[in-house]
Amino acid sequence: MTVRRTKSLGMILYVALLSLGLAGISLVQAASRALPSGTWSTWHKIPMVGKTDAAPFAICYSGKLWLFTKGMVDGRIYLNTFDAYGWSGYSDVVGDITTTLPVGGNAYGNNLYLYASNSVTHRLNIGCYIDGHWSCSFGELSADTQYANFATCALMYGQDALLFLKGCCDTQIYWRDNMYGHDNNWYQVPGDFASDTAVNGCVWAGQLWLFDKRNSDNSALFYSFNRNGSWLNSWGPVVNSVKTDVSAATAVYKNSLFIFEKGKMNNRIYSLRSHDPSVNFWARAVVPGMLTKYALSAAVYNGKLYLFAIAGDQSVWYSVFSK
């Protein structure tokens, strides 16, 4: 496996970190007032769902909300879609693969790409949904692929299909551009801290944001960057985050970035949200009505924010945030 630690291509990154004290109380008050208002619905159990012990993965694709889960007993990947008519019911995703981890994915063009760690080889495999059917059966991503002992974060950033993956031995974060014809080598994201959760992220306000948990204090850290700067070998804290022992979920809704965390001690679900990327201020609130031991998943569909959680009976439930 070839891992290069620097890159001089079109994607150049920078970190913009501002402390709450430097931002000033007036900016914090303005940020709080500008946050989108809304309420969470009651929690609904997804019908015809089996049990799972890994975080679900939700994505909006082809006019529907797609939800992927990992079977608790057989380790296979299952799909349930949601539209104006309700849930379709679970079906087995085509492909001879089992996994012990949550899946990840992204969509570009008319295609959906799903990434899963093979439970036998621990290598990263890819499945492709093209023109209305699964066109590949979860083959290994490439001969140079990373071992995958954590879930993969897959993001579209401009014309780049980026994969972020935690190293299996050193817990460092690696990334590559998986777009065909682009540089497909793995590169290390700067930063040296121990973490035992998957990295997650999203694109917000023209920047790509990464989130990870630091083992030393179980706090959330973030990196933000765009194409006009450079990496800074430092991670900044998410102000107002809670102590957690699982990876965070993220979603952009009404121009605000939402982070969802699970409390380490009480298993409650917390939302952190901000509308201004220049101010490290995150309004924290409890998402009522659910306790969970697992990481969450979130997606925006049809003008509403959907949050998915695994309940105590290992079934998947969802709540909807809307005005």
C-alpha atoms as a PDB file:
ATOM      1  CA  MET A   1       0.000   0.000   0.000  1.00  0.00           C
ATOM      2  CA  THR A   2       1.323   3.436  -0.951  1.00  0.00           C
ATOM      3  CA  VAL A   3       0.570   6.280   1.448  1.00  0.00           C
ATOM      4  CA  ARG A   4       1.733   9.759   0.561  1.00  0.00           C
ATOM      5  CA  ARG A   5       1.643  12.439   3.226  1.00  0.00           C
ATOM      6  CA  THR A   6       1.652  15.547   1.082  1.00  0.00           C
ATOM      7  CA  LYS A   7      -0.178  16.509  -2.073  1.00  0.00           C
ATOM      8  CA  SER A   8       0.206  19.371  -4.567  1.00  0.00           C
ATOM      9  CA  LEU A   9      -2.945  19.108  -6.692  1.00  0.00           C
ATOM     10  CA  GLY A  10      -6.063  21.232  -7.109  1.00  0.00           C
ATOM     11  CA  MET A  11      -7.321  20.493  -3.615  1.00  0.00           C
ATOM     12  CA  ILE A  12      -5.499  22.612  -1.029  1.00  0.00           C
ATOM     13  CA  LEU A  13      -6.790  22.847   2.440  1.00  0.00           C
ATOM     14  CA  TYR A  14      -6.855  25.183   5.374  1.00  0.00           C
ATOM     15  CA  VAL A  15      -8.218  25.262   8.886  1.00  0.00           C
ATOM     16  CA  ALA A  16     -10.201  28.205  10.208  1.00  0.00           C
ATOM     17  CA  LEU A  17     -10.559  27.946  13.978  1.00  0.00           C
ATOM     18  CA  LEU A  18     -11.937  30.767  16.136  1.00  0.00           C
ATOM     19  CA  SER A  19     -12.510  30.435  19.871  1.00  0.00           C
ATOM     20  CA  LEU A  20     -15.749  31.488  21.472  1.00  0.00           C
ATOM     21  CA  GLY A  21     -13.949  34.177  23.427  1.00  0.00           C
ATOM     22  CA  LEU A  22     -12.446  35.756  20.325  1.00  0.00           C
ATOM     23  CA  ALA A  23     -15.752  35.632  18.531  1.00  0.00           C
ATOM     24  CA  GLY A  24     -17.362  37.824  21.167  1.00  0.00           C
ATOM     25  CA  ILE A  25     -20.681  37.564  22.926  1.00  0.00           C
ATOM     26  CA  SER A  26     -22.475  39.665  20.310  1.00  0.00           C
ATOM     27  CA  LEU A  27     -21.562  37.201  17.572  1.00  0.00           C
ATOM     28  CA  VAL A  28     -22.689  34.296  19.742  1.00  0.00           C
ATOM     29  CA  GLN A  29     -26.046  35.965  20.365  1.00  0.00           C
ATOM     30  CA  ALA A  30     -26.448  36.672  16.662  1.00  0.00           C
ATOM     31  CA  ALA A  31     -25.582  33.090  15.818  1.00  0.00           C
ATOM     32  CA  SER A  32     -28.128  31.785  18.300  1.00  0.00           C
ATOM     33  CA  ARG A  33     -30.892  33.999  16.913  1.00  0.00           C
ATOM     34  CA  ALA A  34     -30.162  32.940  13.324  1.00  0.00           C
ATOM     35  CA  LEU A  35     -30.479  29.194  13.959  1.00  0.00           C
ATOM     36  CA  PRO A  36     -33.403  27.505  12.203  1.00  0.00           C
ATOM     37  CA  SER A  37     -36.440  27.039  14.417  1.00  0.00           C
ATOM     38  CA  GLY A  38     -38.345  23.809  14.447  1.00  0.00           C
ATOM     39  CA  THR A  39     -39.446  20.826  16.488  1.00  0.00           C
ATOM     40  CA  TRP A  40     -38.713  17.117  16.545  1.00  0.00           C
ATOM     41  CA  SER A  41     -41.504  14.659  15.843  1.00  0.00           C
ATOM     42  CA  THR A  42     -42.169  11.629  17.988  1.00  0.00           C
ATOM     43  CA  TRP A  43     -39.997   8.626  17.166  1.00  0.00           C
ATOM     44  CA  HIS A  44     -41.296   6.105  14.654  1.00  0.00           C
ATOM     45  CA  LYS A  45     -40.183   2.510  14.299  1.00  0.00           C
ATOM     46  CA  ILE A  46     -39.296   1.602  10.742  1.00  0.00           C
ATOM     47  CA  PRO A  47     -41.594  -1.241   9.675  1.00  0.00           C
ATOM     48  CA  MET A  48     -40.322  -4.628   8.496  1.00  0.00           C
ATOM     49  CA  VAL A  49     -36.859  -4.060   9.916  1.00  0.00           C
ATOM     50  CA  GLY A  50     -34.590  -6.729  11.298  1.00  0.00           C
ATOM     51  CA  LYS A  51     -32.184  -6.234  14.143  1.00  0.00           C
ATOM     52  CA  THR A  52     -28.887  -4.432  13.742  1.00  0.00           C
ATOM     53  CA  ASP A  53     -25.875  -3.627  15.884  1.00  0.00           C
ATOM     54  CA  ALA A  54     -24.190  -1.029  13.658  1.00  0.00           C
ATOM     55  CA  ALA A  55     -25.196   2.539  12.869  1.00  0.00           C
ATOM     56  CA  PRO A  56     -27.529   2.869   9.869  1.00  0.00           C
ATOM     57  CA  PHE A  57     -26.529   4.932   6.850  1.00  0.00           C
ATOM     58  CA  ALA A  58     -29.045   7.340   5.279  1.00  0.00           C
ATOM     59  CA  ILE A  59     -28.686   9.228   1.987  1.00  0.00           C
ATOM     60  CA  CYS A  60     -31.028  11.119  -0.341  1.00  0.00           C
ATOM     61  CA  TYR A  61     -30.804   9.674  -3.856  1.00  0.00           C
ATOM     62  CA  SER A  62     -33.029   9.575  -6.933  1.00  0.00           C
ATOM     63  CA  GLY A  63     -35.910  11.377  -5.220  1.00  0.00           C
ATOM     64  CA  LYS A  64     -36.033   8.999  -2.266  1.00  0.00           C
ATOM     65  CA  LEU A  65     -34.487   8.573   1.150  1.00  0.00           C
ATOM     66  CA  TRP A  66     -32.315   5.436   1.142  1.00  0.00           C
ATOM     67  CA  LEU A  67     -31.510   3.703   4.417  1.00  0.00           C
ATOM     68  CA  PHE A  68     -28.867   0.973   4.643  1.00  0.00           C
ATOM     69  CA  THR A  69     -28.428  -1.263   7.676  1.00  0.00           C
ATOM     70  CA  LYS A  70     -26.212  -4.191   8.570  1.00  0.00           C
ATOM     71  CA  GLY A  71     -27.909  -7.395   9.680  1.00  0.00           C
ATOM     72  CA  MET A  72     -27.108  -8.211  13.292  1.00  0.00           C
ATOM     73  CA  VAL A  73     -26.994 -11.985  12.738  1.00  0.00           C
ATOM     74  CA  ASP A  74     -25.908 -12.493   9.129  1.00  0.00           C
ATOM     75  CA  GLY A  75     -23.819  -9.336   8.594  1.00  0.00           C
ATOM     76  CA  ARG A  76     -25.432  -8.698   5.216  1.00  0.00           C
ATOM     77  CA  ILE A  77     -26.398  -5.242   3.949  1.00  0.00           C
ATOM     78  CA  TYR A  78     -30.086  -4.330   3.669  1.00  0.00           C
ATOM     79  CA  LEU A  79     -31.842  -1.418   1.974  1.00  0.00           C
ATOM     80  CA  ASN A  80     -35.117   0.326   2.780  1.00  0.00           C
ATOM     81  CA  THR A  81     -36.307   3.370   0.799  1.00  0.00           C
ATOM     82  CA  PHE A  82     -38.765   6.083   1.818  1.00  0.00           C
ATOM     83  CA  ASP A  83     -40.900   8.361  -0.362  1.00  0.00           C
ATOM     84  CA  ALA A  84     -44.372   9.919  -0.384  1.00  0.00           C
ATOM     85  CA  TYR A  85     -45.899   6.430  -0.175  1.00  0.00           C
ATOM     86  CA  GLY A  86     -43.951   5.380   2.907  1.00  0.00           C
ATOM     87  CA  TRP A  87     -41.264   2.751   3.438  1.00  0.00           C
ATOM     88  CA  SER A  88     -40.636   0.128   0.777  1.00  0.00           C
ATOM     89  CA  GLY A  89     -39.627  -2.640   3.151  1.00  0.00           C
ATOM     90  CA  TYR A  90     -36.165  -4.134   3.536  1.00  0.00           C
ATOM     91  CA  SER A  91     -34.414  -5.960   0.707  1.00  0.00           C
ATOM     92  CA  ASP A  92     -31.026  -7.633   0.557  1.00  0.00           C
ATOM     93  CA  VAL A  93     -28.444  -5.569  -1.311  1.00  0.00           C
ATOM     94  CA  VAL A  94     -26.965  -7.581  -4.185  1.00  0.00           C
ATOM     95  CA  GLY A  95     -23.393  -8.679  -3.556  1.00  0.00           C
ATOM     96  CA  ASP A  96     -21.535 -11.504  -1.903  1.00  0.00           C
ATOM     97  CA  ILE A  97     -20.257  -9.580   1.105  1.00  0.00           C
ATOM     98  CA  THR A  98     -20.753  -9.523   4.847  1.00  0.00           C
ATOM     99  CA  THR A  99     -19.567  -6.794   7.184  1.00  0.00           C
ATOM    100  CA  THR A 100     -19.287  -6.047  10.875  1.00  0.00           C
ATOM    101  CA  LEU A 101     -19.285  -2.249  10.412  1.00  0.00           C
ATOM    102  CA  PRO A 102     -21.676   0.468   9.260  1.00  0.00           C
ATOM    103  CA  VAL A 103     -21.570   1.219   5.553  1.00  0.00           C
ATOM    104  CA  GLY A 104     -20.926   4.587   3.932  1.00  0.00           C
ATOM    105  CA  GLY A 105     -21.673   6.025   0.530  1.00  0.00           C
ATOM    106  CA  ASN A 106     -22.102   8.963  -1.781  1.00  0.00           C
ATOM    107  CA  ALA A 107     -23.942   9.843  -4.966  1.00  0.00           C
ATOM    108  CA  TYR A 108     -22.642  11.661  -8.018  1.00  0.00           C
ATOM    109  CA  GLY A 109     -24.203  11.935 -11.397  1.00  0.00           C
ATOM    110  CA  ASN A 110     -26.957   9.355 -11.580  1.00  0.00           C
ATOM    111  CA  ASN A 111     -24.979   6.792  -9.641  1.00  0.00           C
ATOM    112  CA  LEU A 112     -24.899   5.703  -6.002  1.00  0.00           C
ATOM    113  CA  TYR A 113     -21.726   4.215  -4.538  1.00  0.00           C
ATOM    114  CA  LEU A 114     -21.737   2.181  -1.355  1.00  0.00           C
ATOM    115  CA  TYR A 115     -18.604   1.314   0.646  1.00  0.00           C
ATOM    116  CA  ALA A 116     -18.335  -1.542   3.119  1.00  0.00           C
ATOM    117  CA  SER A 117     -15.576  -3.304   5.018  1.00  0.00           C
ATOM    118  CA  ASN A 118     -15.370  -6.976   4.083  1.00  0.00           C
ATOM    119  CA  SER A 119     -15.686  -9.005   7.293  1.00  0.00           C
ATOM    120  CA  VAL A 120     -13.291 -11.661   5.937  1.00  0.00           C
ATOM    121  CA  THR A 121     -10.504  -9.599   4.338  1.00  0.00           C
ATOM    122  CA  HIS A 122     -11.144  -6.324   6.240  1.00  0.00           C
ATOM    123  CA  ARG A 123     -10.522  -4.541   2.959  1.00  0.00           C
ATOM    124  CA  LEU A 124     -12.728  -1.735   1.657  1.00  0.00           C
ATOM    125  CA  ASN A 125     -15.217  -2.950  -0.965  1.00  0.00           C
ATOM    126  CA  ILE A 126     -17.451  -0.938  -3.275  1.00  0.00           C
ATOM    127  CA  GLY A 127     -20.942  -1.525  -4.663  1.00  0.00           C
ATOM    128  CA  CYS A 128     -22.445   0.574  -7.480  1.00  0.00           C
ATOM    129  CA  TYR A 129     -26.115   1.336  -8.145  1.00  0.00           C
ATOM    130  CA  ILE A 130     -26.291   2.509 -11.767  1.00  0.00           C
ATOM    131  CA  ASP A 131     -29.287   2.927 -14.075  1.00  0.00           C
ATOM    132  CA  GLY A 132     -31.711   1.362 -11.631  1.00  0.00           C
ATOM    133  CA  HIS A 133     -29.804  -1.728 -10.570  1.00  0.00           C
ATOM    134  CA  TRP A 134     -26.720  -2.860  -8.690  1.00  0.00           C
ATOM    135  CA  SER A 135     -24.058  -3.174 -11.374  1.00  0.00           C
ATOM    136  CA  CYS A 136     -21.196  -4.546  -9.332  1.00  0.00           C
ATOM    137  CA  SER A 137     -21.080  -7.073  -6.530  1.00  0.00           C
ATOM    138  CA  PHE A 138     -18.971  -5.340  -3.902  1.00  0.00           C
ATOM    139  CA  GLY A 139     -15.544  -5.962  -5.304  1.00  0.00           C
ATOM    140  CA  GLU A 140     -12.413  -4.721  -3.580  1.00  0.00           C
ATOM    141  CA  LEU A 141     -11.939  -1.021  -4.169  1.00  0.00           C
ATOM    142  CA  SER A 142      -8.443  -1.433  -5.631  1.00  0.00           C
ATOM    143  CA  ALA A 143      -5.290  -3.454  -5.146  1.00  0.00           C
ATOM    144  CA  ASP A 144      -3.929  -0.524  -3.176  1.00  0.00           C
ATOM    145  CA  THR A 145      -6.902  -0.200  -0.859  1.00  0.00           C
ATOM    146  CA  GLN A 146      -6.677   0.384   2.875  1.00  0.00           C
ATOM    147  CA  TYR A 147      -7.688  -2.119   5.490  1.00  0.00           C
ATOM    148  CA  ALA A 148     -10.990  -0.921   6.927  1.00  0.00           C
ATOM    149  CA  ASN A 149     -11.534  -1.485  10.647  1.00  0.00           C
ATOM    150  CA  PHE A 150     -13.789   1.567  10.937  1.00  0.00           C
ATOM    151  CA  ALA A 151     -16.718   2.825   8.880  1.00  0.00           C
ATOM    152  CA  THR A 152     -15.865   4.854   5.778  1.00  0.00           C
ATOM    153  CA  CYS A 153     -16.884   8.493   5.329  1.00  0.00           C
ATOM    154  CA  ALA A 154     -17.642   9.232   1.650  1.00  0.00           C
ATOM    155  CA  LEU A 155     -18.267  12.823   0.517  1.00  0.00           C
ATOM    156  CA  MET A 156     -18.725  14.715  -2.718  1.00  0.00           C
ATOM    157  CA  TYR A 157     -16.694  17.939  -2.691  1.00  0.00           C
ATOM    158  CA  GLY A 158     -17.045  19.801  -5.964  1.00  0.00           C
ATOM    159  CA  GLN A 159     -15.977  17.300  -8.619  1.00  0.00           C
ATOM    160  CA  ASP A 160     -14.078  15.139  -6.135  1.00  0.00           C
ATOM    161  CA  ALA A 161     -15.439  11.900  -4.655  1.00  0.00           C
ATOM    162  CA  LEU A 162     -13.519  11.777  -1.386  1.00  0.00           C
ATOM    163  CA  LEU A 163     -13.146   8.819   0.954  1.00  0.00           C
ATOM    164  CA  PHE A 164     -11.976   9.209   4.561  1.00  0.00           C
ATOM    165  CA  LEU A 165     -10.902   6.135   6.457  1.00  0.00           C
ATOM    166  CA  LYS A 166      -9.331   5.449   9.850  1.00  0.00           C
ATOM    167  CA  GLY A 167      -6.141   3.384   9.662  1.00  0.00           C
ATOM    168  CA  CYS A 168      -6.438  -0.133  11.043  1.00  0.00           C
ATOM    169  CA  CYS A 169      -3.184  -0.026  13.029  1.00  0.00           C
ATOM    170  CA  ASP A 170      -2.212   3.605  13.661  1.00  0.00           C
ATOM    171  CA  THR A 171      -5.747   5.134  13.971  1.00  0.00           C
ATOM    172  CA  GLN A 172      -4.628   7.965  11.684  1.00  0.00           C
ATOM    173  CA  ILE A 173      -7.107   9.308   9.138  1.00  0.00           C
ATOM    174  CA  TYR A 174      -6.419   8.712   5.451  1.00  0.00           C
ATOM    175  CA  TRP A 175      -8.183  10.066   2.398  1.00  0.00           C
ATOM    176  CA  ARG A 176      -8.269   9.591  -1.358  1.00  0.00           C
ATOM    177  CA  ASP A 177     -10.133  10.947  -4.368  1.00  0.00           C
ATOM    178  CA  ASN A 178     -12.091   8.029  -5.756  1.00  0.00           C
ATOM    179  CA  MET A 179     -13.233   9.816  -8.936  1.00  0.00           C
ATOM    180  CA  TYR A 180     -12.241   7.874 -12.033  1.00  0.00           C
ATOM    181  CA  GLY A 181      -9.138   9.366 -13.657  1.00  0.00           C
ATOM    182  CA  HIS A 182      -8.130  11.321 -10.536  1.00  0.00           C
ATOM    183  CA  ASP A 183      -5.189  10.658  -8.241  1.00  0.00           C
ATOM    184  CA  ASN A 184      -6.394   7.613  -6.276  1.00  0.00           C
ATOM    185  CA  ASN A 185      -3.511   7.361  -3.793  1.00  0.00           C
ATOM    186  CA  TRP A 186      -4.162   7.469  -0.052  1.00  0.00           C
ATOM    187  CA  TYR A 187      -2.945  10.537   1.875  1.00  0.00           C
ATOM    188  CA  GLN A 188      -2.756  11.117   5.598  1.00  0.00           C
ATOM    189  CA  VAL A 189      -4.813  13.839   7.234  1.00  0.00           C
ATOM    190  CA  PRO A 190      -2.485  15.705   9.638  1.00  0.00           C
ATOM    191  CA  GLY A 191      -3.141  15.323  13.349  1.00  0.00           C
ATOM    192  CA  ASP A 192      -1.778  13.015  15.992  1.00  0.00           C
ATOM    193  CA  PHE A 193      -4.319  11.944  18.603  1.00  0.00           C
ATOM    194  CA  ALA A 194      -5.737   8.589  19.602  1.00  0.00           C
ATOM    195  CA  SER A 195      -9.303   7.799  18.558  1.00  0.00           C
ATOM    196  CA  ASP A 196     -11.320   4.600  18.476  1.00  0.00           C
ATOM    197  CA  THR A 197     -14.298   5.825  16.419  1.00  0.00           C
ATOM    198  CA  ALA A 198     -14.907   6.399  12.730  1.00  0.00           C
ATOM    199  CA  VAL A 199     -14.358   9.835  11.228  1.00  0.00           C
ATOM    200  CA  ASN A 200     -17.400  11.625   9.825  1.00  0.00           C
ATOM    201  CA  GLY A 201     -17.939  14.809   7.872  1.00  0.00           C
ATOM    202  CA  CYS A 202     -19.970  16.934   5.494  1.00  0.00           C
ATOM    203  CA  VAL A 203     -19.720  19.846   3.065  1.00  0.00           C
ATOM    204  CA  TRP A 204     -21.024  23.124   4.485  1.00  0.00           C
ATOM    205  CA  ALA A 205     -20.634  26.736   3.331  1.00  0.00           C
ATOM    206  CA  GLY A 206     -18.192  25.748   0.607  1.00  0.00           C
ATOM    207  CA  GLN A 207     -15.907  23.954   3.050  1.00  0.00           C
ATOM    208  CA  LEU A 208     -15.430  20.314   3.919  1.00  0.00           C
ATOM    209  CA  TRP A 209     -15.677  19.551   7.623  1.00  0.00           C
ATOM    210  CA  LEU A 210     -14.329  16.478   9.389  1.00  0.00           C
ATOM    211  CA  PHE A 211     -15.311  15.345  12.877  1.00  0.00           C
ATOM    212  CA  ASP A 212     -13.644  12.803  15.129  1.00  0.00           C
ATOM    213  CA  LYS A 213     -13.548  11.879  18.830  1.00  0.00           C
ATOM    214  CA  ARG A 214     -10.430  12.215  20.967  1.00  0.00           C
ATOM    215  CA  ASN A 215      -9.891   9.336  23.396  1.00  0.00           C
ATOM    216  CA  SER A 216      -8.119  11.397  26.033  1.00  0.00           C
ATOM    217  CA  ASP A 217     -11.258  13.320  26.993  1.00  0.00           C
ATOM    218  CA  ASN A 218     -13.977  11.760  24.784  1.00  0.00           C
ATOM    219  CA  SER A 219     -14.598  15.161  23.215  1.00  0.00           C
ATOM    220  CA  ALA A 220     -15.426  15.983  19.616  1.00  0.00           C
ATOM    221  CA  LEU A 221     -12.864  17.709  17.401  1.00  0.00           C
ATOM    222  CA  PHE A 222     -13.257  19.261  13.982  1.00  0.00           C
ATOM    223  CA  TYR A 223     -11.224  20.175  10.932  1.00  0.00           C
ATOM    224  CA  SER A 224     -12.475  22.608   8.297  1.00  0.00           C
ATOM    225  CA  PHE A 225     -10.815  23.292   4.990  1.00  0.00           C
ATOM    226  CA  ASN A 226     -11.310  24.403   1.406  1.00  0.00           C
ATOM    227  CA  ARG A 227      -9.306  24.610  -1.784  1.00  0.00           C
ATOM    228  CA  ASN A 228      -7.630  27.961  -1.147  1.00  0.00           C
ATOM    229  CA  GLY A 229      -5.396  27.265   1.851  1.00  0.00           C
ATOM    230  CA  SER A 230      -3.337  24.478   3.398  1.00  0.00           C
ATOM    231  CA  TRP A 231      -3.529  21.844   6.113  1.00  0.00           C
ATOM    232  CA  LEU A 232      -2.819  22.952   9.655  1.00  0.00           C
ATOM    233  CA  ASN A 233      -1.528  20.131  11.836  1.00  0.00           C
ATOM    234  CA  SER A 234      -4.073  20.734  14.550  1.00  0.00           C
ATOM    235  CA  TRP A 235      -7.661  19.838  15.371  1.00  0.00           C
ATOM    236  CA  GLY A 236     -10.005  22.214  17.158  1.00  0.00           C
ATOM    237  CA  PRO A 237     -12.682  21.429  19.746  1.00  0.00           C
ATOM    238  CA  VAL A 238     -16.374  21.582  19.001  1.00  0.00           C
ATOM    239  CA  VAL A 239     -17.470  24.095  21.617  1.00  0.00           C
ATOM    240  CA  ASN A 240     -20.426  22.842  23.682  1.00  0.00           C
ATOM    241  CA  SER A 241     -20.060  19.189  22.623  1.00  0.00           C
ATOM    242  CA  VAL A 242     -20.769  16.345  25.041  1.00  0.00           C
ATOM    243  CA  LYS A 243     -18.597  13.438  26.136  1.00  0.00           C
ATOM    244  CA  THR A 244     -19.230  10.570  23.754  1.00  0.00           C
ATOM    245  CA  ASP A 245     -17.937   7.125  22.879  1.00  0.00           C
ATOM    246  CA  VAL A 246     -19.228   6.827  19.300  1.00  0.00           C
ATOM    247  CA  SER A 247     -18.735   8.795  16.102  1.00  0.00           C
ATOM    248  CA  ALA A 248     -20.857  11.855  15.344  1.00  0.00           C
ATOM    249  CA  ALA A 249     -23.476  12.187  12.611  1.00  0.00           C
ATOM    250  CA  THR A 250     -23.780  15.372  10.554  1.00  0.00           C
ATOM    251  CA  ALA A 251     -26.278  17.018   8.205  1.00  0.00           C
ATOM    252  CA  VAL A 252     -26.746  20.449   6.627  1.00  0.00           C
ATOM    253  CA  TYR A 253     -30.297  21.750   6.989  1.00  0.00           C
ATOM    254  CA  LYS A 254     -31.564  25.260   6.193  1.00  0.00           C
ATOM    255  CA  ASN A 255     -27.938  26.452   5.730  1.00  0.00           C
ATOM    256  CA  SER A 256     -27.043  25.304   9.255  1.00  0.00           C
ATOM    257  CA  LEU A 257     -24.731  22.461  10.194  1.00  0.00           C
ATOM    258  CA  PHE A 258     -26.172  19.908  12.613  1.00  0.00           C
ATOM    259  CA  ILE A 259     -23.962  17.535  14.607  1.00  0.00           C
ATOM    260  CA  PHE A 260     -25.601  14.637  16.455  1.00  0.00           C
ATOM    261  CA  GLU A 261     -23.835  13.024  19.400  1.00  0.00           C
ATOM    262  CA  LYS A 262     -24.679  10.235  21.810  1.00  0.00           C
ATOM    263  CA  GLY A 263     -23.896  10.948  25.459  1.00  0.00           C
ATOM    264  CA  LYS A 264     -21.324   8.524  26.848  1.00  0.00           C
ATOM    265  CA  MET A 265     -22.848   8.192  30.312  1.00  0.00           C
ATOM    266  CA  ASN A 266     -26.575   8.682  29.738  1.00  0.00           C
ATOM    267  CA  ASN A 267     -27.090   7.453  26.122  1.00  0.00           C
ATOM    268  CA  ARG A 268     -29.171  10.537  25.370  1.00  0.00           C
ATOM    269  CA  ILE A 269     -29.077  12.115  21.914  1.00  0.00           C
ATOM    270  CA  TYR A 270     -27.798  15.678  21.564  1.00  0.00           C
ATOM    271  CA  SER A 271     -27.937  18.034  18.603  1.00  0.00           C
ATOM    272  CA  LEU A 272     -25.331  20.734  18.085  1.00  0.00           C
ATOM    273  CA  ARG A 273     -25.978  23.313  15.389  1.00  0.00           C
ATOM    274  CA  SER A 274     -24.412  26.412  13.925  1.00  0.00           C
ATOM    275  CA  HIS A 275     -25.282  28.710  11.056  1.00  0.00           C
ATOM    276  CA  ASP A 276     -21.930  30.536  10.841  1.00  0.00           C
ATOM    277  CA  PRO A 277     -18.722  28.671   9.916  1.00  0.00           C
ATOM    278  CA  SER A 278     -16.571  31.589  11.071  1.00  0.00           C
ATOM    279  CA  VAL A 279     -17.787  31.342  14.689  1.00  0.00           C
ATOM    280  CA  ASN A 280     -17.060  28.271  16.804  1.00  0.00           C
ATOM    281  CA  PHE A 281     -20.453  28.401  18.486  1.00  0.00           C
ATOM    282  CA  TRP A 282     -22.734  25.368  18.623  1.00  0.00           C
ATOM    283  CA  ALA A 283     -26.190  25.555  20.185  1.00  0.00           C
ATOM    284  CA  ARG A 284     -26.787  22.308  22.062  1.00  0.00           C
ATOM    285  CA  ALA A 285     -30.144  20.678  22.714  1.00  0.00           C
ATOM    286  CA  VAL A 286     -31.465  17.261  23.653  1.00  0.00           C
ATOM    287  CA  VAL A 287     -33.363  15.335  21.011  1.00  0.00           C
ATOM    288  CA  PRO A 288     -36.188  13.951  23.169  1.00  0.00           C
ATOM    289  CA  GLY A 289     -37.730  10.520  23.296  1.00  0.00           C
ATOM    290  CA  MET A 290     -34.884   8.110  22.550  1.00  0.00           C
ATOM    291  CA  LEU A 291     -31.880   6.496  24.217  1.00  0.00           C
ATOM    292  CA  THR A 292     -29.246   4.629  22.227  1.00  0.00           C
ATOM    293  CA  LYS A 293     -25.863   2.958  22.608  1.00  0.00           C
ATOM    294  CA  TYR A 294     -24.922   3.399  18.962  1.00  0.00           C
ATOM    295  CA  ALA A 295     -23.834   6.071  16.525  1.00  0.00           C
ATOM    296  CA  LEU A 296     -26.575   7.923  14.656  1.00  0.00           C
ATOM    297  CA  SER A 297     -27.302   8.802  11.049  1.00  0.00           C
ATOM    298  CA  ALA A 298     -28.963  11.886   9.569  1.00  0.00           C
ATOM    299  CA  ALA A 299     -30.120  13.016   6.135  1.00  0.00           C
ATOM    300  CA  VAL A 300     -32.239  15.789   4.621  1.00  0.00           C
ATOM    301  CA  TYR A 301     -35.154  14.707   2.453  1.00  0.00           C
ATOM    302  CA  ASN A 302     -38.090  16.670   1.050  1.00  0.00           C
ATOM    303  CA  GLY A 303     -37.295  19.771   3.124  1.00  0.00           C
ATOM    304  CA  LYS A 304     -37.068  17.897   6.428  1.00  0.00           C
ATOM    305  CA  LEU A 305     -34.220  16.589   8.559  1.00  0.00           C
ATOM    306  CA  TYR A 306     -34.391  12.883   9.385  1.00  0.00           C
ATOM    307  CA  LEU A 307     -32.491  11.381  12.320  1.00  0.00           C
ATOM    308  CA  PHE A 308     -32.046   7.615  12.700  1.00  0.00           C
ATOM    309  CA  ALA A 309     -31.181   5.746  15.895  1.00  0.00           C
ATOM    310  CA  ILE A 310     -30.987   2.152  17.120  1.00  0.00           C
ATOM    311  CA  ALA A 311     -33.290   1.475  20.061  1.00  0.00           C
ATOM    312  CA  GLY A 312     -32.769  -0.956  22.923  1.00  0.00           C
ATOM    313  CA  ASP A 313     -34.399  -3.810  20.991  1.00  0.00           C
ATOM    314  CA  GLN A 314     -31.836  -3.334  18.147  1.00  0.00           C
ATOM    315  CA  SER A 315     -34.497  -1.954  15.778  1.00  0.00           C
ATOM    316  CA  VAL A 316     -34.120   1.290  13.820  1.00  0.00           C
ATOM    317  CA  TRP A 317     -36.289   4.306  14.615  1.00  0.00           C
ATOM    318  CA  TYR A 318     -36.451   7.823  13.172  1.00  0.00           C
ATOM    319  CA  SER A 319     -37.513  11.308  14.168  1.00  0.00           C
ATOM    320  CA  VAL A 320     -38.112  14.290  11.866  1.00  0.00           C
ATOM    321  CA  PHE A 321     -37.101  17.914  12.458  1.00  0.00           C
ATOM    322  CA  SER A 322     -39.082  20.528  10.563  1.00  0.00           C
ATOM    323  CA  LYS A 323     -40.590  23.960  10.925  1.00  0.00           C
END
